[in-house]
Amino acid sequence: MITLICGEDTAKSRQVLSEIKDNFSGEIITFEGSSAPTGDFINASQSASLLGERRLVVAENFWKSVSKLGVDKLPDGVEVVFWEEGILSQKDLDLAKSLKFKVIDCKIDQKIFLFVESVRPGNGVAAVKLYRVCRKNNNPEQIFLMLVRQFRLMLNPIDLPSWQIARIQKQSQTFTNLVIKRSYQQFLQIDYQTKTSQLSGDLNTALELFLLAL
């Protein structure tokens, strides 16, 4: 089986990849970046294990080289997963489907957009309610990434369509620039403490406390 994982929700696509790895019993070989030797990838994906065990070959951000890889047929016991950060074009998705790849396109839950746009001073209780609605189908890490992105855009709304810039600017006007910068610093601290297991409580609690304190 050959699987392509991609999409705008990078946290969710990473989670999907992690679950595939965790549930796989056998040898796992990972190639990272388009600069990784294509010859090594071809050898790993086109040869069976000498020990007869199953093999999972993971290629991260390798899609630009896919036409050179010859992965339309795999030996028995070999599976390939392509993980791509971000959105692929419809042309790329059509190519993957024509090659009979299983395509997992991780889209962002539209409720998360409603939530991050609701975040403003004095609206903490309503924002927490929307956050909890998002939590029903999304983990805190996914929502946190989108919240950080929203504040980053409020600081610097670049590379966005005009209608989205207008909405970002309207939201940013409910904050002072100092509060936006201070909030962004809080996010960096929360991220660091989460990764280093220093966070008091869990990420879910930290986000709710942040929203109520605005």
C-alpha atoms as a PDB file:
ATOM      1  CA  MET A   1       0.000   0.000   0.000  1.00  0.00           C
ATOM      2  CA  ILE A   2       1.127   3.541  -0.778  1.00  0.00           C
ATOM      3  CA  THR A   3      -0.326   6.411   1.254  1.00  0.00           C
ATOM      4  CA  LEU A   4      -0.058  10.173   0.782  1.00  0.00           C
ATOM      5  CA  ILE A   5      -0.708  12.328   3.853  1.00  0.00           C
ATOM      6  CA  CYS A   6      -0.964  16.088   3.382  1.00  0.00           C
ATOM      7  CA  GLY A   7      -3.234  19.056   4.098  1.00  0.00           C
ATOM      8  CA  GLU A   8      -3.507  22.435   5.756  1.00  0.00           C
ATOM      9  CA  ASP A   9      -3.864  20.878   9.223  1.00  0.00           C
ATOM     10  CA  THR A  10      -0.224  19.928   9.793  1.00  0.00           C
ATOM     11  CA  ALA A  11      -0.803  18.846  13.390  1.00  0.00           C
ATOM     12  CA  LYS A  12      -3.507  16.410  12.314  1.00  0.00           C
ATOM     13  CA  SER A  13      -1.431  15.059   9.421  1.00  0.00           C
ATOM     14  CA  ARG A  14       1.477  14.508  11.825  1.00  0.00           C
ATOM     15  CA  GLN A  15      -0.858  12.685  14.155  1.00  0.00           C
ATOM     16  CA  VAL A  16      -2.037  10.426  11.323  1.00  0.00           C
ATOM     17  CA  LEU A  17       1.576   9.614  10.438  1.00  0.00           C
ATOM     18  CA  SER A  18       2.421   8.864  14.080  1.00  0.00           C
ATOM     19  CA  GLU A  19      -0.550   6.519  14.375  1.00  0.00           C
ATOM     20  CA  ILE A  20       0.507   4.635  11.239  1.00  0.00           C
ATOM     21  CA  LYS A  21       4.019   4.222  12.647  1.00  0.00           C
ATOM     22  CA  ASP A  22       2.761   3.188  16.094  1.00  0.00           C
ATOM     23  CA  ASN A  23       0.448   0.563  14.626  1.00  0.00           C
ATOM     24  CA  PHE A  24       3.044  -0.865  12.249  1.00  0.00           C
ATOM     25  CA  SER A  25       4.836  -4.058  13.237  1.00  0.00           C
ATOM     26  CA  GLY A  26       8.135  -4.335  11.419  1.00  0.00           C
ATOM     27  CA  GLU A  27      11.062  -2.292  10.154  1.00  0.00           C
ATOM     28  CA  ILE A  28      10.523   1.477   9.667  1.00  0.00           C
ATOM     29  CA  ILE A  29      12.853   3.521   7.442  1.00  0.00           C
ATOM     30  CA  THR A  30      12.415   7.297   7.224  1.00  0.00           C
ATOM     31  CA  PHE A  31      13.696   9.751   4.607  1.00  0.00           C
ATOM     32  CA  GLU A  32      13.408  13.455   5.371  1.00  0.00           C
ATOM     33  CA  GLY A  33      13.466  16.274   2.852  1.00  0.00           C
ATOM     34  CA  SER A  34      13.624  16.412  -0.909  1.00  0.00           C
ATOM     35  CA  SER A  35      17.444  16.417  -0.693  1.00  0.00           C
ATOM     36  CA  ALA A  36      17.499  12.848   0.638  1.00  0.00           C
ATOM     37  CA  PRO A  37      19.066  10.429  -1.894  1.00  0.00           C
ATOM     38  CA  THR A  38      16.358   9.073  -4.178  1.00  0.00           C
ATOM     39  CA  GLY A  39      18.496   5.998  -4.824  1.00  0.00           C
ATOM     40  CA  ASP A  40      18.359   5.051  -1.143  1.00  0.00           C
ATOM     41  CA  PHE A  41      14.602   5.497  -1.131  1.00  0.00           C
ATOM     42  CA  ILE A  42      14.209   3.306  -4.221  1.00  0.00           C
ATOM     43  CA  ASN A  43      16.388   0.589  -2.679  1.00  0.00           C
ATOM     44  CA  ALA A  44      14.394   0.655   0.544  1.00  0.00           C
ATOM     45  CA  SER A  45      10.989   0.598  -1.155  1.00  0.00           C
ATOM     46  CA  GLN A  46      11.767  -1.869  -3.953  1.00  0.00           C
ATOM     47  CA  SER A  47      13.621  -4.563  -2.025  1.00  0.00           C
ATOM     48  CA  ALA A  48      12.121  -6.994   0.454  1.00  0.00           C
ATOM     49  CA  SER A  49      13.610  -7.395   3.931  1.00  0.00           C
ATOM     50  CA  LEU A  50      16.278 -10.113   4.172  1.00  0.00           C
ATOM     51  CA  LEU A  51      14.709 -11.232   7.431  1.00  0.00           C
ATOM     52  CA  GLY A  52      11.283 -11.489   5.871  1.00  0.00           C
ATOM     53  CA  GLU A  53       9.727  -8.871   8.145  1.00  0.00           C
ATOM     54  CA  ARG A  54       7.384  -6.158   6.969  1.00  0.00           C
ATOM     55  CA  ARG A  55       8.875  -2.779   6.090  1.00  0.00           C
ATOM     56  CA  LEU A  56       7.387   0.714   6.230  1.00  0.00           C
ATOM     57  CA  VAL A  57       9.194   3.377   4.198  1.00  0.00           C
ATOM     58  CA  VAL A  58       8.296   6.951   5.203  1.00  0.00           C
ATOM     59  CA  ALA A  59       9.266   9.843   2.922  1.00  0.00           C
ATOM     60  CA  GLU A  60       8.749  13.331   4.376  1.00  0.00           C
ATOM     61  CA  ASN A  61       8.490  16.311   2.013  1.00  0.00           C
ATOM     62  CA  PHE A  62       9.587  14.093  -0.851  1.00  0.00           C
ATOM     63  CA  TRP A  63       6.710  14.716  -3.232  1.00  0.00           C
ATOM     64  CA  LYS A  64       8.667  16.722  -5.827  1.00  0.00           C
ATOM     65  CA  SER A  65      10.704  13.596  -6.519  1.00  0.00           C
ATOM     66  CA  VAL A  66       7.773  11.185  -6.695  1.00  0.00           C
ATOM     67  CA  SER A  67       7.811  10.922 -10.515  1.00  0.00           C
ATOM     68  CA  LYS A  68      11.385   9.569 -10.356  1.00  0.00           C
ATOM     69  CA  LEU A  69      10.754   6.972  -7.701  1.00  0.00           C
ATOM     70  CA  GLY A  70       8.878   4.223  -9.515  1.00  0.00           C
ATOM     71  CA  VAL A  71       6.647   3.346  -6.578  1.00  0.00           C
ATOM     72  CA  ASP A  72       3.653   2.131  -8.554  1.00  0.00           C
ATOM     73  CA  LYS A  73       4.514  -1.478  -7.630  1.00  0.00           C
ATOM     74  CA  LEU A  74       5.951  -2.643  -4.326  1.00  0.00           C
ATOM     75  CA  PRO A  75       7.343  -6.003  -3.164  1.00  0.00           C
ATOM     76  CA  ASP A  76       5.213  -8.031  -0.778  1.00  0.00           C
ATOM     77  CA  GLY A  77       5.516  -6.790   2.799  1.00  0.00           C
ATOM     78  CA  VAL A  78       6.583  -3.247   1.866  1.00  0.00           C
ATOM     79  CA  GLU A  79       4.414  -0.185   2.493  1.00  0.00           C
ATOM     80  CA  VAL A  80       5.229   3.432   1.608  1.00  0.00           C
ATOM     81  CA  VAL A  81       3.929   6.625   3.209  1.00  0.00           C
ATOM     82  CA  PHE A  82       4.548  10.076   1.759  1.00  0.00           C
ATOM     83  CA  TRP A  83       4.041  12.862   4.305  1.00  0.00           C
ATOM     84  CA  GLU A  84       3.903  16.377   2.905  1.00  0.00           C
ATOM     85  CA  GLU A  85       3.727  19.528   5.006  1.00  0.00           C
ATOM     86  CA  GLY A  86       0.891  21.803   3.930  1.00  0.00           C
ATOM     87  CA  ILE A  87      -1.483  21.816   0.994  1.00  0.00           C
ATOM     88  CA  LEU A  88      -0.798  20.056  -2.291  1.00  0.00           C
ATOM     89  CA  SER A  89      -2.306  21.260  -5.557  1.00  0.00           C
ATOM     90  CA  GLN A  90      -5.282  19.501  -7.094  1.00  0.00           C
ATOM     91  CA  LYS A  91      -2.925  18.365  -9.857  1.00  0.00           C
ATOM     92  CA  ASP A  92      -0.731  16.609  -7.282  1.00  0.00           C
ATOM     93  CA  LEU A  93      -3.739  15.006  -5.595  1.00  0.00           C
ATOM     94  CA  ASP A  94      -5.043  13.801  -8.959  1.00  0.00           C
ATOM     95  CA  LEU A  95      -1.611  12.332  -9.737  1.00  0.00           C
ATOM     96  CA  ALA A  96      -1.589  10.441  -6.448  1.00  0.00           C
ATOM     97  CA  LYS A  97      -5.057   9.050  -7.105  1.00  0.00           C
ATOM     98  CA  SER A  98      -4.107   8.036 -10.657  1.00  0.00           C
ATOM     99  CA  LEU A  99      -1.209   6.069  -9.148  1.00  0.00           C
ATOM    100  CA  LYS A 100      -3.718   4.342  -6.831  1.00  0.00           C
ATOM    101  CA  PHE A 101      -2.296   5.980  -3.708  1.00  0.00           C
ATOM    102  CA  LYS A 102      -4.477   6.220  -0.638  1.00  0.00           C
ATOM    103  CA  VAL A 103      -4.807   9.995  -0.114  1.00  0.00           C
ATOM    104  CA  ILE A 104      -5.402  11.459   3.364  1.00  0.00           C
ATOM    105  CA  ASP A 105      -5.977  15.207   2.988  1.00  0.00           C
ATOM    106  CA  CYS A 106      -6.136  16.717   6.491  1.00  0.00           C
ATOM    107  CA  LYS A 107      -8.372  19.761   6.371  1.00  0.00           C
ATOM    108  CA  ILE A 108      -8.840  22.196   9.218  1.00  0.00           C
ATOM    109  CA  ASP A 109     -12.158  21.982  11.052  1.00  0.00           C
ATOM    110  CA  GLN A 110     -14.093  25.143  10.126  1.00  0.00           C
ATOM    111  CA  LYS A 111     -15.195  25.473  13.763  1.00  0.00           C
ATOM    112  CA  ILE A 112     -11.592  26.263  14.663  1.00  0.00           C
ATOM    113  CA  PHE A 113     -11.667  29.333  12.416  1.00  0.00           C
ATOM    114  CA  LEU A 114     -14.811  30.526  14.207  1.00  0.00           C
ATOM    115  CA  PHE A 115     -13.096  29.981  17.529  1.00  0.00           C
ATOM    116  CA  VAL A 116      -9.852  31.828  16.782  1.00  0.00           C
ATOM    117  CA  GLU A 117     -11.810  34.769  15.363  1.00  0.00           C
ATOM    118  CA  SER A 118     -13.848  34.936  18.593  1.00  0.00           C
ATOM    119  CA  VAL A 119     -10.754  35.493  20.743  1.00  0.00           C
ATOM    120  CA  ARG A 120     -10.644  39.077  22.006  1.00  0.00           C
ATOM    121  CA  PRO A 121     -10.481  40.905  25.357  1.00  0.00           C
ATOM    122  CA  GLY A 122     -13.631  40.560  27.424  1.00  0.00           C
ATOM    123  CA  ASN A 123     -14.961  37.623  25.406  1.00  0.00           C
ATOM    124  CA  GLY A 124     -13.254  34.852  27.345  1.00  0.00           C
ATOM    125  CA  VAL A 125     -16.351  32.918  28.438  1.00  0.00           C
ATOM    126  CA  ALA A 126     -17.793  32.783  24.907  1.00  0.00           C
ATOM    127  CA  ALA A 127     -14.371  31.860  23.481  1.00  0.00           C
ATOM    128  CA  VAL A 128     -14.020  28.995  25.971  1.00  0.00           C
ATOM    129  CA  LYS A 129     -17.423  27.648  24.927  1.00  0.00           C
ATOM    130  CA  LEU A 130     -16.362  27.657  21.262  1.00  0.00           C
ATOM    131  CA  TYR A 131     -13.016  26.126  22.228  1.00  0.00           C
ATOM    132  CA  ARG A 132     -14.806  23.241  23.949  1.00  0.00           C
ATOM    133  CA  VAL A 133     -16.935  22.668  20.853  1.00  0.00           C
ATOM    134  CA  CYS A 134     -13.707  22.421  18.812  1.00  0.00           C
ATOM    135  CA  ARG A 135     -12.252  19.997  21.349  1.00  0.00           C
ATOM    136  CA  LYS A 136     -14.922  17.414  20.511  1.00  0.00           C
ATOM    137  CA  ASN A 137     -13.224  16.647  17.189  1.00  0.00           C
ATOM    138  CA  ASN A 138      -9.750  18.173  17.571  1.00  0.00           C
ATOM    139  CA  ASN A 139      -6.931  17.814  20.053  1.00  0.00           C
ATOM    140  CA  PRO A 140      -5.576  20.831  21.982  1.00  0.00           C
ATOM    141  CA  GLU A 141      -2.324  20.815  19.996  1.00  0.00           C
ATOM    142  CA  GLN A 142      -4.182  21.372  16.716  1.00  0.00           C
ATOM    143  CA  ILE A 143      -6.243  24.218  18.144  1.00  0.00           C
ATOM    144  CA  PHE A 144      -3.207  25.782  19.819  1.00  0.00           C
ATOM    145  CA  LEU A 145      -1.313  25.917  16.517  1.00  0.00           C
ATOM    146  CA  MET A 146      -4.216  27.749  14.878  1.00  0.00           C
ATOM    147  CA  LEU A 147      -4.494  30.184  17.797  1.00  0.00           C
ATOM    148  CA  VAL A 148      -0.781  30.978  17.570  1.00  0.00           C
ATOM    149  CA  ARG A 149      -1.166  31.475  13.812  1.00  0.00           C
ATOM    150  CA  GLN A 150      -4.062  33.898  14.359  1.00  0.00           C
ATOM    151  CA  PHE A 151      -2.037  36.087  16.712  1.00  0.00           C
ATOM    152  CA  ARG A 152       0.957  35.970  14.386  1.00  0.00           C
ATOM    153  CA  LEU A 153      -1.289  37.195  11.566  1.00  0.00           C
ATOM    154  CA  MET A 154      -2.613  39.987  13.764  1.00  0.00           C
ATOM    155  CA  LEU A 155       0.971  41.132  14.201  1.00  0.00           C
ATOM    156  CA  ASN A 156       1.857  40.741  10.530  1.00  0.00           C
ATOM    157  CA  PRO A 157      -1.035  39.953   8.121  1.00  0.00           C
ATOM    158  CA  ILE A 158       0.963  39.087   5.006  1.00  0.00           C
ATOM    159  CA  ASP A 159       0.275  36.775   2.052  1.00  0.00           C
ATOM    160  CA  LEU A 160      -3.478  36.756   2.679  1.00  0.00           C
ATOM    161  CA  PRO A 161      -6.421  37.606   0.431  1.00  0.00           C
ATOM    162  CA  SER A 162      -7.844  41.084   1.012  1.00  0.00           C
ATOM    163  CA  TRP A 163     -11.049  39.803   2.653  1.00  0.00           C
ATOM    164  CA  GLN A 164      -9.053  37.830   5.208  1.00  0.00           C
ATOM    165  CA  ILE A 165      -6.755  40.777   5.936  1.00  0.00           C
ATOM    166  CA  ALA A 166      -9.844  42.886   6.664  1.00  0.00           C
ATOM    167  CA  ARG A 167     -11.139  40.306   9.166  1.00  0.00           C
ATOM    168  CA  ILE A 168      -7.746  39.974  10.840  1.00  0.00           C
ATOM    169  CA  GLN A 169      -7.408  43.746  11.143  1.00  0.00           C
ATOM    170  CA  LYS A 170     -10.904  44.055  12.614  1.00  0.00           C
ATOM    171  CA  GLN A 171     -10.009  41.488  15.273  1.00  0.00           C
ATOM    172  CA  SER A 172      -6.618  43.059  15.997  1.00  0.00           C
ATOM    173  CA  GLN A 173      -8.308  46.420  16.662  1.00  0.00           C
ATOM    174  CA  THR A 174      -9.936  44.909  19.757  1.00  0.00           C
ATOM    175  CA  PHE A 175      -6.437  44.458  21.223  1.00  0.00           C
ATOM    176  CA  THR A 176      -3.612  46.848  21.922  1.00  0.00           C
ATOM    177  CA  ASN A 177      -0.424  45.966  20.088  1.00  0.00           C
ATOM    178  CA  LEU A 178       1.224  45.362  23.462  1.00  0.00           C
ATOM    179  CA  VAL A 179      -1.399  42.752  24.439  1.00  0.00           C
ATOM    180  CA  ILE A 180      -0.986  40.912  21.119  1.00  0.00           C
ATOM    181  CA  LYS A 181       2.791  40.771  21.551  1.00  0.00           C
ATOM    182  CA  ARG A 182       2.465  39.742  25.201  1.00  0.00           C
ATOM    183  CA  SER A 183      -0.022  37.001  24.247  1.00  0.00           C
ATOM    184  CA  TYR A 184       2.339  35.727  21.569  1.00  0.00           C
ATOM    185  CA  GLN A 185       5.123  35.539  24.159  1.00  0.00           C
ATOM    186  CA  GLN A 186       2.779  33.540  26.397  1.00  0.00           C
ATOM    187  CA  PHE A 187       2.226  31.101  23.563  1.00  0.00           C
ATOM    188  CA  LEU A 188       5.968  30.642  23.144  1.00  0.00           C
ATOM    189  CA  GLN A 189       6.265  29.953  26.855  1.00  0.00           C
ATOM    190  CA  ILE A 190       3.365  27.483  26.823  1.00  0.00           C
ATOM    191  CA  ASP A 191       4.888  25.708  23.821  1.00  0.00           C
ATOM    192  CA  TYR A 192       8.290  25.464  25.507  1.00  0.00           C
ATOM    193  CA  GLN A 193       6.831  24.240  28.797  1.00  0.00           C
ATOM    194  CA  THR A 194       4.685  21.664  26.978  1.00  0.00           C
ATOM    195  CA  LYS A 195       7.663  20.265  25.058  1.00  0.00           C
ATOM    196  CA  THR A 196       9.829  20.155  28.188  1.00  0.00           C
ATOM    197  CA  SER A 197       7.107  18.755  30.485  1.00  0.00           C
ATOM    198  CA  GLN A 198       7.261  21.862  32.668  1.00  0.00           C
ATOM    199  CA  LEU A 199       3.681  23.009  32.089  1.00  0.00           C
ATOM    200  CA  SER A 200       1.584  23.251  35.241  1.00  0.00           C
ATOM    201  CA  GLY A 201      -1.474  21.153  34.390  1.00  0.00           C
ATOM    202  CA  ASP A 202      -2.092  20.323  30.737  1.00  0.00           C
ATOM    203  CA  LEU A 203      -2.321  22.260  27.478  1.00  0.00           C
ATOM    204  CA  ASN A 204      -6.117  22.173  27.550  1.00  0.00           C
ATOM    205  CA  THR A 205      -6.195  23.915  30.946  1.00  0.00           C
ATOM    206  CA  ALA A 206      -3.503  26.411  29.929  1.00  0.00           C
ATOM    207  CA  LEU A 207      -5.515  27.482  26.863  1.00  0.00           C
ATOM    208  CA  GLU A 208      -8.728  27.935  28.810  1.00  0.00           C
ATOM    209  CA  LEU A 209      -6.946  29.993  31.472  1.00  0.00           C
ATOM    210  CA  PHE A 210      -5.370  32.154  28.753  1.00  0.00           C
ATOM    211  CA  LEU A 211      -8.757  32.853  27.171  1.00  0.00           C
ATOM    212  CA  LEU A 212     -10.415  33.742  30.479  1.00  0.00           C
ATOM    213  CA  ALA A 213      -7.548  36.064  31.428  1.00  0.00           C
ATOM    214  CA  LEU A 214      -7.779  38.200  28.258  1.00  0.00           C
END
